[in-house]
Amino acid sequence: MIRGGETLATSGEFQIGELVCSRAGRDKGRYYLVIALELGSFLKLVDGGTRRISNPKRKNAKHIVSTGQIAWEIAEKLRSNKRLTNSEVQKAIADLRATLECDWGSKEVDKPDGKR
């Protein structure tokens, strides 16, 4: 599952299994899970729908904003090289977004688009 140039370690502010939001490009505002960190500043992202496990999106880290939420089950599966399904990714994103939206509703937290 890990190819040349990829790593399972943390890279700066991003971690494997972390929920992130795109802040630039035609996918702006879409949520993804980080499945791989490449050398340099690129991440491999999946959403289980448009961007499936078999074809992750490669995106520059400066075009991504971290939500601070991590899907620990997904991260553990990736670290142990177990099979990950697109439906598991979709469920993890939905669950993390639900907790994220609850946090945004109850606190003064900046959303990925920079608004409150």
Protein backbone atom coordinates (compact mmCIF):
# COMPACT_ATOMS: atom_id res chain seq x y z
CA MET A 1 0.00 0.00 0.00
CA ILE A 2 2.92 2.37 0.64
CA ARG A 3 4.76 3.36 -2.53
CA GLY A 4 8.00 5.23 -3.04
CA GLY A 5 8.03 8.66 -1.46
CA GLU A 6 5.11 7.94 0.90
CA THR A 7 5.31 7.58 4.64
CA LEU A 8 2.97 6.71 7.48
CA ALA A 9 4.57 9.13 9.92
CA THR A 10 3.17 12.54 10.71
CA SER A 11 4.23 15.42 8.51
CA GLY A 12 4.07 18.81 10.15
CA GLU A 13 0.48 19.45 11.07
CA PHE A 14 -1.18 16.52 9.23
CA GLN A 15 -1.58 12.88 10.31
CA ILE A 16 -2.78 9.69 8.68
CA GLY A 17 -6.54 9.35 9.19
CA GLU A 18 -7.06 13.07 9.78
CA LEU A 19 -10.16 14.82 8.47
CA VAL A 20 -9.15 17.79 6.32
CA CYS A 21 -10.97 20.32 4.20
CA SER A 22 -9.83 21.63 0.83
CA ARG A 23 -9.45 25.40 0.78
CA ALA A 24 -8.34 25.86 -2.83
CA GLY A 25 -9.15 24.43 -6.22
CA ARG A 26 -12.35 23.20 -7.75
CA ASP A 27 -12.87 20.89 -4.77
CA LYS A 28 -12.85 23.81 -2.31
CA GLY A 29 -14.94 23.04 0.78
CA ARG A 30 -14.84 19.24 0.32
CA TYR A 31 -13.81 17.00 3.18
CA TYR A 32 -11.25 14.20 2.83
CA LEU A 33 -9.29 11.77 4.97
CA VAL A 34 -5.50 11.74 4.73
CA ILE A 35 -4.32 8.24 3.76
CA ALA A 36 -0.68 8.97 2.91
CA LEU A 37 1.92 11.70 3.34
CA GLU A 38 4.44 12.19 0.56
CA LEU A 39 7.90 13.60 0.85
CA GLY A 40 7.67 17.32 0.42
CA SER A 41 4.35 18.95 1.07
CA PHE A 42 1.87 16.66 -0.69
CA LEU A 43 -0.88 14.50 0.80
CA LYS A 44 -2.97 11.68 -0.62
CA LEU A 45 -6.65 12.21 0.17
CA VAL A 46 -9.80 10.11 -0.18
CA ASP A 47 -13.50 10.69 0.40
CA GLY A 48 -14.79 7.22 -0.48
CA GLY A 49 -16.97 8.59 -3.29
CA THR A 50 -15.39 10.72 -5.98
CA ARG A 51 -11.90 10.02 -4.65
CA ARG A 52 -11.78 6.35 -3.84
CA ILE A 53 -9.06 4.29 -2.15
CA SER A 54 -7.89 3.04 -5.55
CA ASN A 55 -7.45 6.60 -6.89
CA PRO A 56 -6.58 9.07 -4.10
CA LYS A 57 -6.28 12.79 -4.74
CA ARG A 58 -2.75 14.19 -4.51
CA LYS A 59 -2.95 17.70 -3.07
CA ASN A 60 -0.48 20.27 -1.81
CA ALA A 61 -0.67 20.70 1.97
CA LYS A 62 -0.89 24.47 1.67
CA HIS A 63 -4.27 24.03 -0.05
CA ILE A 64 -5.66 21.98 2.86
CA VAL A 65 -6.89 23.05 6.27
CA SER A 66 -6.82 20.67 9.23
CA THR A 67 -9.98 20.12 11.26
CA GLY A 68 -8.11 18.54 14.17
CA GLN A 69 -10.32 15.43 13.95
CA ILE A 70 -8.75 12.00 13.40
CA ALA A 71 -10.45 8.75 12.40
CA TRP A 72 -8.41 6.47 14.65
CA GLU A 73 -9.90 3.25 13.23
CA ILE A 74 -8.88 4.29 9.71
CA ALA A 75 -5.42 5.35 10.85
CA GLU A 76 -4.87 2.02 12.62
CA LYS A 77 -6.00 0.03 9.56
CA LEU A 78 -3.61 1.98 7.33
CA ARG A 79 -0.71 1.53 9.75
CA SER A 80 -1.26 -2.23 9.96
CA ASN A 81 -1.76 -2.57 6.16
CA LYS A 82 -5.28 -3.96 6.57
CA ARG A 83 -7.82 -3.59 3.78
CA LEU A 84 -9.77 -0.33 3.88
CA THR A 85 -13.09 0.07 2.07
CA ASN A 86 -14.62 3.18 0.57
CA SER A 87 -17.75 2.76 2.69
CA GLU A 88 -15.59 2.82 5.85
CA VAL A 89 -14.04 6.07 4.65
CA GLN A 90 -17.46 7.61 3.92
CA LYS A 91 -18.78 6.58 7.35
CA ALA A 92 -15.70 7.96 9.13
CA ILE A 93 -16.03 11.30 7.31
CA ALA A 94 -19.74 11.52 8.13
CA ASP A 95 -19.12 10.72 11.82
CA LEU A 96 -16.26 13.21 12.15
CA ARG A 97 -18.20 15.95 10.35
CA ALA A 98 -21.14 15.44 12.70
CA THR A 99 -18.95 16.00 15.76
CA LEU A 100 -17.20 18.88 13.99
CA GLU A 101 -20.46 20.66 13.19
CA CYS A 102 -21.58 20.20 16.78
CA ASP A 103 -18.35 21.87 17.93
CA TRP A 104 -18.83 24.73 15.50
CA GLY A 105 -22.40 25.22 16.65
CA SER A 106 -21.46 25.51 20.31
CA LYS A 107 -18.16 27.40 20.19
CA GLU A 108 -16.57 30.33 18.43
CA VAL A 109 -14.35 28.28 16.15
CA ASP A 110 -13.12 29.35 12.71
CA LYS A 111 -14.56 27.17 9.96
CA PRO A 112 -12.33 26.07 7.06
CA ASP A 113 -13.69 28.87 4.87
CA GLY A 114 -12.38 31.43 7.39
CA LYS A 115 -15.83 32.50 8.59
CA ARG A 116 -17.35 32.06 12.02
